[in-house]
């Protein structure tokens, strides 16, 4: 699974779960908090993304992730292992 595909899925989930965010405005080098996400929004985006990609990442492995790009890297690592 490619990183580009994973970022596309994450962006779709951000748009679906947050108000007033356009998919073309999402910068993977930013945090979801930069787009107004609270902790529950972030959990929902991450959970829905993992469900769509059919992967599971332990919550402890997500603790230090701060950007969308880092999240995509972690999902690539899990999806391709």
PDB file of N, CA and C in Angstrom:
ATOM      1  N   UNK A   1       0.844  -1.181   0.000  1.00  0.00           N
ATOM      2  CA  UNK A   1       0.000   0.000   0.000  1.00  0.00           C
ATOM      3  C   UNK A   1       0.891   1.247   0.000  1.00  0.00           C
ATOM      4  N   UNK A   2       0.567   2.205  -0.843  1.00  0.00           N
ATOM      5  CA  UNK A   2       1.425   3.383  -0.967  1.00  0.00           C
ATOM      6  C   UNK A   2       1.072   4.444   0.067  1.00  0.00           C
ATOM      7  N   UNK A   3       2.062   5.244   0.374  1.00  0.00           N
ATOM      8  CA  UNK A   3       1.850   6.352   1.314  1.00  0.00           C
ATOM      9  C   UNK A   3       0.835   7.345   0.746  1.00  0.00           C
ATOM     10  N   UNK A   4       0.874   7.567  -0.559  1.00  0.00           N
ATOM     11  CA  UNK A   4      -0.062   8.511  -1.188  1.00  0.00           C
ATOM     12  C   UNK A   4      -1.505   8.055  -0.996  1.00  0.00           C
ATOM     13  N   UNK A   5      -1.747   6.745  -1.152  1.00  0.00           N
ATOM     14  CA  UNK A   5      -3.087   6.186  -0.962  1.00  0.00           C
ATOM     15  C   UNK A   5      -3.528   6.374   0.484  1.00  0.00           C
ATOM     16  N   UNK A   6      -2.633   6.109   1.412  1.00  0.00           N
ATOM     17  CA  UNK A   6      -2.958   6.237   2.832  1.00  0.00           C
ATOM     18  C   UNK A   6      -3.246   7.691   3.187  1.00  0.00           C
ATOM     19  N   UNK A   7      -2.436   8.612   2.691  1.00  0.00           N
ATOM     20  CA  UNK A   7      -2.693  10.037   2.953  1.00  0.00           C
ATOM     21  C   UNK A   7      -4.038  10.453   2.372  1.00  0.00           C
ATOM     22  N   UNK A   8      -4.387   9.941   1.217  1.00  0.00           N
ATOM     23  CA  UNK A   8      -5.680  10.261   0.604  1.00  0.00           C
ATOM     24  C   UNK A   8      -6.832   9.795   1.498  1.00  0.00           C
ATOM     25  N   UNK A   9      -6.708   8.607   2.068  1.00  0.00           N
ATOM     26  CA  UNK A   9      -7.753   8.084   2.960  1.00  0.00           C
ATOM     27  C   UNK A   9      -7.831   8.931   4.230  1.00  0.00           C
ATOM     28  N   UNK A  10      -6.684   9.285   4.805  1.00  0.00           N
ATOM     29  CA  UNK A  10      -6.672  10.124   6.006  1.00  0.00           C
ATOM     30  C   UNK A  10      -7.346  11.468   5.706  1.00  0.00           C
ATOM     31  N   UNK A  11      -7.006  12.076   4.573  1.00  0.00           N
ATOM     32  CA  UNK A  11      -7.612  13.362   4.200  1.00  0.00           C
ATOM     33  C   UNK A  11      -9.126  13.237   4.075  1.00  0.00           C
ATOM     34  N   UNK A  12      -9.604  12.153   3.453  1.00  0.00           N
ATOM     35  CA  UNK A  12     -11.054  11.944   3.317  1.00  0.00           C
ATOM     36  C   UNK A  12     -11.711  11.862   4.692  1.00  0.00           C
ATOM     37  N   UNK A  13     -11.073  11.165   5.609  1.00  0.00           N
ATOM     38  CA  UNK A  13     -11.629  11.032   6.959  1.00  0.00           C
ATOM     39  C   UNK A  13     -11.619  12.369   7.700  1.00  0.00           C
ATOM     40  N   UNK A  14     -10.594  13.165   7.502  1.00  0.00           N
ATOM     41  CA  UNK A  14     -10.550  14.496   8.126  1.00  0.00           C
ATOM     42  C   UNK A  14     -11.708  15.343   7.621  1.00  0.00           C
ATOM     43  N   UNK A  15     -11.919  15.353   6.317  1.00  0.00           N
ATOM     44  CA  UNK A  15     -13.018  16.131   5.724  1.00  0.00           C
ATOM     45  C   UNK A  15     -14.372  15.616   6.232  1.00  0.00           C
ATOM     46  N   UNK A  16     -14.522  14.301   6.353  1.00  0.00           N
ATOM     47  CA  UNK A  16     -15.782  13.714   6.818  1.00  0.00           C
ATOM     48  C   UNK A  16     -16.064  14.029   8.287  1.00  0.00           C
ATOM     49  N   UNK A  17     -15.012  14.171   9.088  1.00  0.00           N
ATOM     50  CA  UNK A  17     -15.189  14.311  10.538  1.00  0.00           C
ATOM     51  C   UNK A  17     -15.029  15.722  11.081  1.00  0.00           C
ATOM     52  N   UNK A  18     -14.492  16.632  10.279  1.00  0.00           N
ATOM     53  CA  UNK A  18     -14.301  18.012  10.746  1.00  0.00           C
ATOM     54  C   UNK A  18     -15.101  18.972   9.885  1.00  0.00           C
ATOM     55  N   UNK A  19     -15.581  20.025  10.500  1.00  0.00           N
ATOM     56  CA  UNK A  19     -16.337  21.043   9.774  1.00  0.00           C
ATOM     57  C   UNK A  19     -15.390  22.031   9.106  1.00  0.00           C
ATOM     58  N   UNK A  20     -15.804  22.529   7.969  1.00  0.00           N
ATOM     59  CA  UNK A  20     -15.107  23.616   7.274  1.00  0.00           C
ATOM     60  C   UNK A  20     -13.663  23.299   6.889  1.00  0.00           C
ATOM     61  N   UNK A  21     -13.404  22.055   6.479  1.00  0.00           N
ATOM     62  CA  UNK A  21     -12.079  21.676   5.993  1.00  0.00           C
ATOM     63  C   UNK A  21     -12.240  21.148   4.570  1.00  0.00           C
ATOM     64  N   UNK A  22     -11.481  21.733   3.644  1.00  0.00           N
ATOM     65  CA  UNK A  22     -11.487  21.272   2.252  1.00  0.00           C
ATOM     66  C   UNK A  22     -10.302  20.342   2.039  1.00  0.00           C
ATOM     67  N   UNK A  23     -10.540  19.260   1.316  1.00  0.00           N
ATOM     68  CA  UNK A  23      -9.499  18.238   1.127  1.00  0.00           C
ATOM     69  C   UNK A  23      -8.237  18.823   0.493  1.00  0.00           C
ATOM     70  N   UNK A  24      -8.396  19.781  -0.436  1.00  0.00           N
ATOM     71  CA  UNK A  24      -7.227  20.344  -1.107  1.00  0.00           C
ATOM     72  C   UNK A  24      -6.424  21.286  -0.198  1.00  0.00           C
ATOM     73  N   UNK A  25      -7.000  21.675   0.934  1.00  0.00           N
ATOM     74  CA  UNK A  25      -6.305  22.573   1.869  1.00  0.00           C
ATOM     75  C   UNK A  25      -5.487  21.824   2.913  1.00  0.00           C
ATOM     76  N   UNK A  26      -5.614  20.503   2.949  1.00  0.00           N
ATOM     77  CA  UNK A  26      -4.941  19.720   3.996  1.00  0.00           C
ATOM     78  C   UNK A  26      -3.476  19.503   3.639  1.00  0.00           C
ATOM     79  N   UNK A  27      -2.607  19.946   4.546  1.00  0.00           N
ATOM     80  CA  UNK A  27      -1.161  19.792   4.397  1.00  0.00           C
ATOM     81  C   UNK A  27      -0.719  18.634   5.299  1.00  0.00           C
ATOM     82  N   UNK A  28      -0.171  17.550   4.735  1.00  0.00           N
ATOM     83  CA  UNK A  28       0.242  16.405   5.552  1.00  0.00           C
ATOM     84  C   UNK A  28       1.312  16.735   6.593  1.00  0.00           C
ATOM     85  N   UNK A  29       2.011  17.847   6.432  1.00  0.00           N
ATOM     86  CA  UNK A  29       3.043  18.220   7.402  1.00  0.00           C
ATOM     87  C   UNK A  29       2.474  18.933   8.614  1.00  0.00           C
ATOM     88  N   UNK A  30       1.163  19.104   8.645  1.00  0.00           N
ATOM     89  CA  UNK A  30       0.509  19.732   9.791  1.00  0.00           C
ATOM     90  C   UNK A  30      -0.189  18.679  10.635  1.00  0.00           C
ATOM     91  N   UNK A  31      -0.581  19.103  11.817  1.00  0.00           N
ATOM     92  CA  UNK A  31      -1.329  18.253  12.731  1.00  0.00           C
ATOM     93  C   UNK A  31      -2.824  18.385  12.453  1.00  0.00           C
ATOM     94  N   UNK A  32      -3.592  17.367  12.827  1.00  0.00           N
ATOM     95  CA  UNK A  32      -5.051  17.478  12.700  1.00  0.00           C
ATOM     96  C   UNK A  32      -5.576  18.605  13.588  1.00  0.00           C
ATOM     97  N   UNK A  33      -4.865  18.879  14.678  1.00  0.00           N
ATOM     98  CA  UNK A  33      -5.268  19.981  15.567  1.00  0.00           C
ATOM     99  C   UNK A  33      -5.203  21.318  14.838  1.00  0.00           C
ATOM    100  N   UNK A  34      -4.305  21.434  13.856  1.00  0.00           N
ATOM    101  CA  UNK A  34      -4.206  22.664  13.066  1.00  0.00           C
ATOM    102  C   UNK A  34      -5.488  22.927  12.279  1.00  0.00           C
ATOM    103  N   UNK A  35      -6.278  21.885  12.092  1.00  0.00           N
ATOM    104  CA  UNK A  35      -7.538  22.009  11.343  1.00  0.00           C
ATOM    105  C   UNK A  35      -8.751  22.022  12.271  1.00  0.00           C
ATOM    106  N   UNK A  36      -8.492  22.182  13.563  1.00  0.00           N
ATOM    107  CA  UNK A  36      -9.578  22.311  14.529  1.00  0.00           C
ATOM    108  C   UNK A  36     -10.022  21.015  15.181  1.00  0.00           C
ATOM    109  N   UNK A  37      -9.278  19.939  14.991  1.00  0.00           N
ATOM    110  CA  UNK A  37      -9.664  18.651  15.573  1.00  0.00           C
ATOM    111  C   UNK A  37      -9.373  18.620  17.069  1.00  0.00           C
ATOM    112  N   UNK A  38     -10.337  18.092  17.822  1.00  0.00           N
ATOM    113  CA  UNK A  38     -10.069  17.839  19.237  1.00  0.00           C
ATOM    114  C   UNK A  38      -9.670  16.367  19.374  1.00  0.00           C
ATOM    115  N   UNK A  39      -9.406  15.934  20.592  1.00  0.00           N
ATOM    116  CA  UNK A  39      -8.903  14.563  20.772  1.00  0.00           C
ATOM    117  C   UNK A  39      -9.908  13.511  20.296  1.00  0.00           C
ATOM    118  N   UNK A  40     -11.197  13.748  20.486  1.00  0.00           N
ATOM    119  CA  UNK A  40     -12.194  12.785  20.008  1.00  0.00           C
ATOM    120  C   UNK A  40     -12.248  12.744  18.489  1.00  0.00           C
ATOM    121  N   UNK A  41     -12.103  13.900  17.851  1.00  0.00           N
ATOM    122  CA  UNK A  41     -12.068  13.945  16.387  1.00  0.00           C
ATOM    123  C   UNK A  41     -10.885  13.138  15.861  1.00  0.00           C
ATOM    124  N   UNK A  42      -9.749  13.306  16.499  1.00  0.00           N
ATOM    125  CA  UNK A  42      -8.536  12.606  16.060  1.00  0.00           C
ATOM    126  C   UNK A  42      -8.719  11.093  16.198  1.00  0.00           C
ATOM    127  N   UNK A  43      -9.286  10.660  17.317  1.00  0.00           N
ATOM    128  CA  UNK A  43      -9.538   9.230  17.514  1.00  0.00           C
ATOM    129  C   UNK A  43     -10.463   8.708  16.422  1.00  0.00           C
ATOM    130  N   UNK A  44     -11.491   9.468  16.096  1.00  0.00           N
ATOM    131  CA  UNK A  44     -12.447   9.046  15.065  1.00  0.00           C
ATOM    132  C   UNK A  44     -11.770   8.949  13.697  1.00  0.00           C
ATOM    133  N   UNK A  45     -10.957   9.947  13.348  1.00  0.00           N
ATOM    134  CA  UNK A  45     -10.253   9.926  12.058  1.00  0.00           C
ATOM    135  C   UNK A  45      -9.315   8.724  11.993  1.00  0.00           C
ATOM    136  N   UNK A  46      -8.547   8.504  13.048  1.00  0.00           N
ATOM    137  CA  UNK A  46      -7.587   7.392  13.074  1.00  0.00           C
ATOM    138  C   UNK A  46      -8.320   6.050  13.015  1.00  0.00           C
ATOM    139  N   UNK A  47      -9.382   5.905  13.806  1.00  0.00           N
ATOM    140  CA  UNK A  47     -10.135   4.646  13.826  1.00  0.00           C
ATOM    141  C   UNK A  47     -10.774   4.346  12.474  1.00  0.00           C
ATOM    142  N   UNK A  48     -11.410   5.350  11.885  1.00  0.00           N
ATOM    143  CA  UNK A  48     -12.062   5.149  10.583  1.00  0.00           C
ATOM    144  C   UNK A  48     -11.044   4.848   9.488  1.00  0.00           C
ATOM    145  N   UNK A  49      -9.891   5.500   9.565  1.00  0.00           N
ATOM    146  CA  UNK A  49      -8.838   5.256   8.578  1.00  0.00           C
ATOM    147  C   UNK A  49      -8.326   3.822   8.702  1.00  0.00           C
ATOM    148  N   UNK A  50      -8.069   3.374   9.927  1.00  0.00           N
ATOM    149  CA  UNK A  50      -7.589   2.008  10.118  1.00  0.00           C
ATOM    150  C   UNK A  50      -8.636   1.004   9.632  1.00  0.00           C
ATOM    151  N   UNK A  51      -9.901   1.272   9.904  1.00  0.00           N
ATOM    152  CA  UNK A  51     -10.974   0.370   9.455  1.00  0.00           C
ATOM    153  C   UNK A  51     -11.000   0.293   7.936  1.00  0.00           C
ATOM    154  N   UNK A  52     -10.913   1.460   7.282  1.00  0.00           N
ATOM    155  CA  UNK A  52     -10.955   1.483   5.817  1.00  0.00           C
ATOM    156  C   UNK A  52      -9.743   0.774   5.203  1.00  0.00           C
ATOM    157  N   UNK A  53      -8.585   0.950   5.825  1.00  0.00           N
ATOM    158  CA  UNK A  53      -7.358   0.330   5.313  1.00  0.00           C
ATOM    159  C   UNK A  53      -7.188  -1.114   5.770  1.00  0.00           C
ATOM    160  N   UNK A  54      -8.061  -1.559   6.681  1.00  0.00           N
ATOM    161  CA  UNK A  54      -8.014  -2.914   7.234  1.00  0.00           C
ATOM    162  C   UNK A  54      -6.673  -3.207   7.923  1.00  0.00           C
ATOM    163  N   UNK A  55      -6.273  -2.249   8.770  1.00  0.00           N
ATOM    164  CA  UNK A  55      -5.055  -2.416   9.567  1.00  0.00           C
ATOM    165  C   UNK A  55      -5.364  -2.101  11.026  1.00  0.00           C
ATOM    166  N   UNK A  56      -4.487  -2.554  11.913  1.00  0.00           N
ATOM    167  CA  UNK A  56      -4.600  -2.245  13.338  1.00  0.00           C
ATOM    168  C   UNK A  56      -3.242  -1.781  13.831  1.00  0.00           C
ATOM    169  N   UNK A  57      -3.257  -0.658  14.543  1.00  0.00           N
ATOM    170  CA  UNK A  57      -2.035  -0.132  15.139  1.00  0.00           C
ATOM    171  C   UNK A  57      -2.314   0.050  16.626  1.00  0.00           C
ATOM    172  N   UNK A  58      -1.489  -0.533  17.493  1.00  0.00           N
ATOM    173  CA  UNK A  58      -1.687  -0.344  18.930  1.00  0.00           C
ATOM    174  C   UNK A  58      -1.624   1.147  19.299  1.00  0.00           C
ATOM    175  N   UNK A  59      -2.503   1.535  20.195  1.00  0.00           N
ATOM    176  CA  UNK A  59      -2.588   2.943  20.595  1.00  0.00           C
ATOM    177  C   UNK A  59      -1.239   3.485  21.090  1.00  0.00           C
ATOM    178  N   UNK A  60      -0.475   2.651  21.770  1.00  0.00           N
ATOM    179  CA  UNK A  60       0.825   3.090  22.293  1.00  0.00           C
ATOM    180  C   UNK A  60       1.771   3.533  21.173  1.00  0.00           C
ATOM    181  N   UNK A  61       1.648   2.903  20.002  1.00  0.00           N
ATOM    182  CA  UNK A  61       2.508   3.258  18.875  1.00  0.00           C
ATOM    183  C   UNK A  61       2.100   4.575  18.222  1.00  0.00           C
ATOM    184  N   UNK A  62       0.917   5.073  18.551  1.00  0.00           N
ATOM    185  CA  UNK A  62       0.425   6.321  17.965  1.00  0.00           C
ATOM    186  C   UNK A  62       0.687   7.532  18.860  1.00  0.00           C
ATOM    187  N   UNK A  63       1.141   7.283  20.092  1.00  0.00           N
ATOM    188  CA  UNK A  63       1.250   8.340  21.101  1.00  0.00           C
ATOM    189  C   UNK A  63       2.171   9.490  20.705  1.00  0.00           C
ATOM    190  N   UNK A  64       3.268   9.212  20.022  1.00  0.00           N
ATOM    191  CA  UNK A  64       4.242  10.252  19.702  1.00  0.00           C
ATOM    192  C   UNK A  64       4.029  10.891  18.334  1.00  0.00           C
ATOM    193  N   UNK A  65       2.981  10.512  17.640  1.00  0.00           N
ATOM    194  CA  UNK A  65       2.728  11.032  16.299  1.00  0.00           C
ATOM    195  C   UNK A  65       2.077  12.404  16.398  1.00  0.00           C
ATOM    196  N   UNK A  66       2.634  13.372  15.654  1.00  0.00           N
ATOM    197  CA  UNK A  66       2.094  14.734  15.725  1.00  0.00           C
ATOM    198  C   UNK A  66       1.553  15.243  14.390  1.00  0.00           C
ATOM    199  N   UNK A  67       2.013  14.686  13.272  1.00  0.00           N
ATOM    200  CA  UNK A  67       1.552  15.194  11.972  1.00  0.00           C
ATOM    201  C   UNK A  67       0.828  14.097  11.185  1.00  0.00           C
ATOM    202  N   UNK A  68       0.073  14.524  10.208  1.00  0.00           N
ATOM    203  CA  UNK A  68      -0.628  13.601   9.317  1.00  0.00           C
ATOM    204  C   UNK A  68       0.385  12.728   8.574  1.00  0.00           C
ATOM    205  N   UNK A  69       1.500  13.326   8.181  1.00  0.00           N
ATOM    206  CA  UNK A  69       2.556  12.598   7.475  1.00  0.00           C
ATOM    207  C   UNK A  69       3.134  11.478   8.351  1.00  0.00           C
ATOM    208  N   UNK A  70       3.367  11.765   9.621  1.00  0.00           N
ATOM    209  CA  UNK A  70       3.887  10.745  10.536  1.00  0.00           C
ATOM    210  C   UNK A  70       2.875   9.614  10.723  1.00  0.00           C
ATOM    211  N   UNK A  71       1.601   9.977  10.779  1.00  0.00           N
ATOM    212  CA  UNK A  71       0.546   8.968  10.889  1.00  0.00           C
ATOM    213  C   UNK A  71       0.553   8.065   9.653  1.00  0.00           C
ATOM    214  N   UNK A  72       0.678   8.672   8.487  1.00  0.00           N
ATOM    215  CA  UNK A  72       0.729   7.900   7.242  1.00  0.00           C
ATOM    216  C   UNK A  72       1.939   6.969   7.231  1.00  0.00           C
ATOM    217  N   UNK A  73       3.093   7.453   7.695  1.00  0.00           N
ATOM    218  CA  UNK A  73       4.295   6.610   7.762  1.00  0.00           C
ATOM    219  C   UNK A  73       4.044   5.376   8.635  1.00  0.00           C
ATOM    220  N   UNK A  74       3.406   5.581   9.784  1.00  0.00           N
ATOM    221  CA  UNK A  74       3.123   4.468  10.693  1.00  0.00           C
ATOM    222  C   UNK A  74       2.162   3.473  10.038  1.00  0.00           C
ATOM    223  N   UNK A  75       1.138   3.992   9.342  1.00  0.00           N
ATOM    224  CA  UNK A  75       0.185   3.111   8.676  1.00  0.00           C
ATOM    225  C   UNK A  75       0.843   2.341   7.531  1.00  0.00           C
ATOM    226  N   UNK A  76       1.755   2.974   6.818  1.00  0.00           N
ATOM    227  CA  UNK A  76       2.506   2.280   5.741  1.00  0.00           C
ATOM    228  C   UNK A  76       3.324   1.149   6.351  1.00  0.00           C
ATOM    229  N   UNK A  77       4.000   1.448   7.445  1.00  0.00           N
ATOM    230  CA  UNK A  77       4.840   0.450   8.111  1.00  0.00           C
ATOM    231  C   UNK A  77       4.010  -0.773   8.508  1.00  0.00           C
ATOM    232  N   UNK A  78       2.835  -0.554   9.082  1.00  0.00           N
ATOM    233  CA  UNK A  78       1.979  -1.645   9.525  1.00  0.00           C
ATOM    234  C   UNK A  78       1.352  -2.379   8.338  1.00  0.00           C
ATOM    235  N   UNK A  79       0.885  -1.632   7.354  1.00  0.00           N
ATOM    236  CA  UNK A  79       0.209  -2.226   6.200  1.00  0.00           C
ATOM    237  C   UNK A  79       1.140  -3.100   5.365  1.00  0.00           C
ATOM    238  N   UNK A  80       2.402  -2.744   5.335  1.00  0.00           N
ATOM    239  CA  UNK A  80       3.356  -3.479   4.504  1.00  0.00           C
ATOM    240  C   UNK A  80       4.231  -4.458   5.289  1.00  0.00           C
ATOM    241  N   UNK A  81       3.841  -4.713   6.542  1.00  0.00           N
ATOM    242  CA  UNK A  81       4.653  -5.653   7.333  1.00  0.00           C
ATOM    243  C   UNK A  81       4.010  -7.024   7.362  1.00  0.00           C
TER     244      UNK A  81
END
